Amino acid sequence: MKDFGIVVVPREGDKIPAEKTAKFVFVAKLSTEKGVSGFSSTKVRAAMEKKDSEYLKNALSAKTCDFLLNPTK
């Protein structure tokens, strides 16, 4: 069993891939929230490593932030 998965966060104009939940590949819905769709995945990864919940709460939608900060098996 894997201990981690991948969340694909599409940007406007991207071809949206299919989810593969059995392989722990999840696809977020394209966000229409101001600022959410333009965030930097590099900054999000850095914030996750630092456990910078404040940055994540400002950069991501509430559901995405909760999914990343409170994963379940």
C-alpha atoms as a PDB file:
ATOM      1  CA  MET A   1       0.000   0.000   0.000  1.00  0.00           C
ATOM      2  CA  LYS A   2       1.274   3.462  -0.868  1.00  0.00           C
ATOM      3  CA  ASP A   3       1.792   6.064   1.814  1.00  0.00           C
ATOM      4  CA  PHE A   4       1.185   8.999  -0.502  1.00  0.00           C
ATOM      5  CA  GLY A   5      -0.705  10.058  -3.589  1.00  0.00           C
ATOM      6  CA  ILE A   6      -0.663  12.768  -6.218  1.00  0.00           C
ATOM      7  CA  VAL A   7      -3.151  15.578  -6.635  1.00  0.00           C
ATOM      8  CA  VAL A   8      -3.239  17.086 -10.133  1.00  0.00           C
ATOM      9  CA  VAL A   9      -4.319  20.724 -10.004  1.00  0.00           C
ATOM     10  CA  PRO A  10      -5.273  21.801 -13.517  1.00  0.00           C
ATOM     11  CA  ARG A  11      -4.912  25.339 -14.753  1.00  0.00           C
ATOM     12  CA  GLU A  12      -7.163  27.040 -17.237  1.00  0.00           C
ATOM     13  CA  GLY A  13      -6.508  25.612 -20.710  1.00  0.00           C
ATOM     14  CA  ASP A  14      -4.984  22.343 -19.427  1.00  0.00           C
ATOM     15  CA  LYS A  15      -6.170  18.978 -20.681  1.00  0.00           C
ATOM     16  CA  ILE A  16      -7.608  17.451 -17.525  1.00  0.00           C
ATOM     17  CA  PRO A  17      -6.514  13.846 -16.994  1.00  0.00           C
ATOM     18  CA  ALA A  18      -8.725  11.132 -15.550  1.00  0.00           C
ATOM     19  CA  GLU A  19      -8.395  10.242 -11.890  1.00  0.00           C
ATOM     20  CA  LYS A  20      -6.816   6.906 -11.073  1.00  0.00           C
ATOM     21  CA  THR A  21      -7.880   6.452  -7.474  1.00  0.00           C
ATOM     22  CA  ALA A  22      -6.568   2.890  -7.311  1.00  0.00           C
ATOM     23  CA  LYS A  23      -3.108   4.357  -8.001  1.00  0.00           C
ATOM     24  CA  PHE A  24      -3.707   7.328  -5.678  1.00  0.00           C
ATOM     25  CA  VAL A  25      -3.869   9.886  -8.485  1.00  0.00           C
ATOM     26  CA  PHE A  26      -6.546  12.501  -7.807  1.00  0.00           C
ATOM     27  CA  VAL A  27      -7.613  15.448  -9.960  1.00  0.00           C
ATOM     28  CA  ALA A  28      -8.842  18.695  -8.416  1.00  0.00           C
ATOM     29  CA  LYS A  29     -11.615  20.642 -10.072  1.00  0.00           C
ATOM     30  CA  LEU A  30     -10.549  23.741 -11.972  1.00  0.00           C
ATOM     31  CA  SER A  31     -10.985  26.574  -9.512  1.00  0.00           C
ATOM     32  CA  THR A  32     -12.792  29.788 -10.285  1.00  0.00           C
ATOM     33  CA  GLU A  33     -11.690  31.380  -7.002  1.00  0.00           C
ATOM     34  CA  LYS A  34      -9.602  34.506  -7.481  1.00  0.00           C
ATOM     35  CA  GLY A  35      -5.904  33.721  -7.080  1.00  0.00           C
ATOM     36  CA  VAL A  36      -6.291  29.994  -6.520  1.00  0.00           C
ATOM     37  CA  SER A  37      -5.670  28.892 -10.090  1.00  0.00           C
ATOM     38  CA  GLY A  38      -2.469  30.919 -10.382  1.00  0.00           C
ATOM     39  CA  PHE A  39      -0.565  29.610  -7.378  1.00  0.00           C
ATOM     40  CA  SER A  40       2.912  28.123  -7.621  1.00  0.00           C
ATOM     41  CA  SER A  41       3.116  24.380  -7.058  1.00  0.00           C
ATOM     42  CA  THR A  42       6.755  24.849  -6.047  1.00  0.00           C
ATOM     43  CA  LYS A  43       5.679  27.224  -3.268  1.00  0.00           C
ATOM     44  CA  VAL A  44       2.919  24.828  -2.221  1.00  0.00           C
ATOM     45  CA  ARG A  45       5.395  21.938  -1.946  1.00  0.00           C
ATOM     46  CA  ALA A  46       7.781  24.129   0.060  1.00  0.00           C
ATOM     47  CA  ALA A  47       4.933  25.183   2.365  1.00  0.00           C
ATOM     48  CA  MET A  48       3.952  21.534   2.851  1.00  0.00           C
ATOM     49  CA  GLU A  49       7.539  20.627   3.790  1.00  0.00           C
ATOM     50  CA  LYS A  50       7.632  23.515   6.288  1.00  0.00           C
ATOM     51  CA  LYS A  51       4.083  22.733   7.455  1.00  0.00           C
ATOM     52  CA  ASP A  52       3.192  26.350   6.651  1.00  0.00           C
ATOM     53  CA  SER A  53      -0.562  26.011   7.006  1.00  0.00           C
ATOM     54  CA  GLU A  54      -1.064  29.780   6.732  1.00  0.00           C
ATOM     55  CA  TYR A  55       0.412  29.896   3.200  1.00  0.00           C
ATOM     56  CA  LEU A  56      -1.554  26.808   2.182  1.00  0.00           C
ATOM     57  CA  LYS A  57      -4.818  28.261   3.504  1.00  0.00           C
ATOM     58  CA  ASN A  58      -4.232  31.398   1.431  1.00  0.00           C
ATOM     59  CA  ALA A  59      -3.018  29.630  -1.708  1.00  0.00           C
ATOM     60  CA  LEU A  60      -5.470  26.720  -1.956  1.00  0.00           C
ATOM     61  CA  SER A  61      -9.167  26.144  -1.782  1.00  0.00           C
ATOM     62  CA  ALA A  62     -10.457  25.059   1.621  1.00  0.00           C
ATOM     63  CA  LYS A  63     -11.146  21.488   0.466  1.00  0.00           C
ATOM     64  CA  THR A  64      -7.704  21.096  -1.105  1.00  0.00           C
ATOM     65  CA  CYS A  65      -5.994  22.520   1.959  1.00  0.00           C
ATOM     66  CA  ASP A  66      -7.907  20.152   4.233  1.00  0.00           C
ATOM     67  CA  PHE A  67      -7.068  17.188   1.985  1.00  0.00           C
ATOM     68  CA  LEU A  68      -3.342  17.999   2.081  1.00  0.00           C
ATOM     69  CA  LEU A  69      -3.109  18.914   5.758  1.00  0.00           C
ATOM     70  CA  ASN A  70      -5.388  16.142   7.054  1.00  0.00           C
ATOM     71  CA  PRO A  71      -4.920  13.099   4.800  1.00  0.00           C
ATOM     72  CA  THR A  72      -6.797   9.917   5.579  1.00  0.00           C
ATOM     73  CA  LYS A  73      -6.109   6.343   4.581  1.00  0.00           C
END
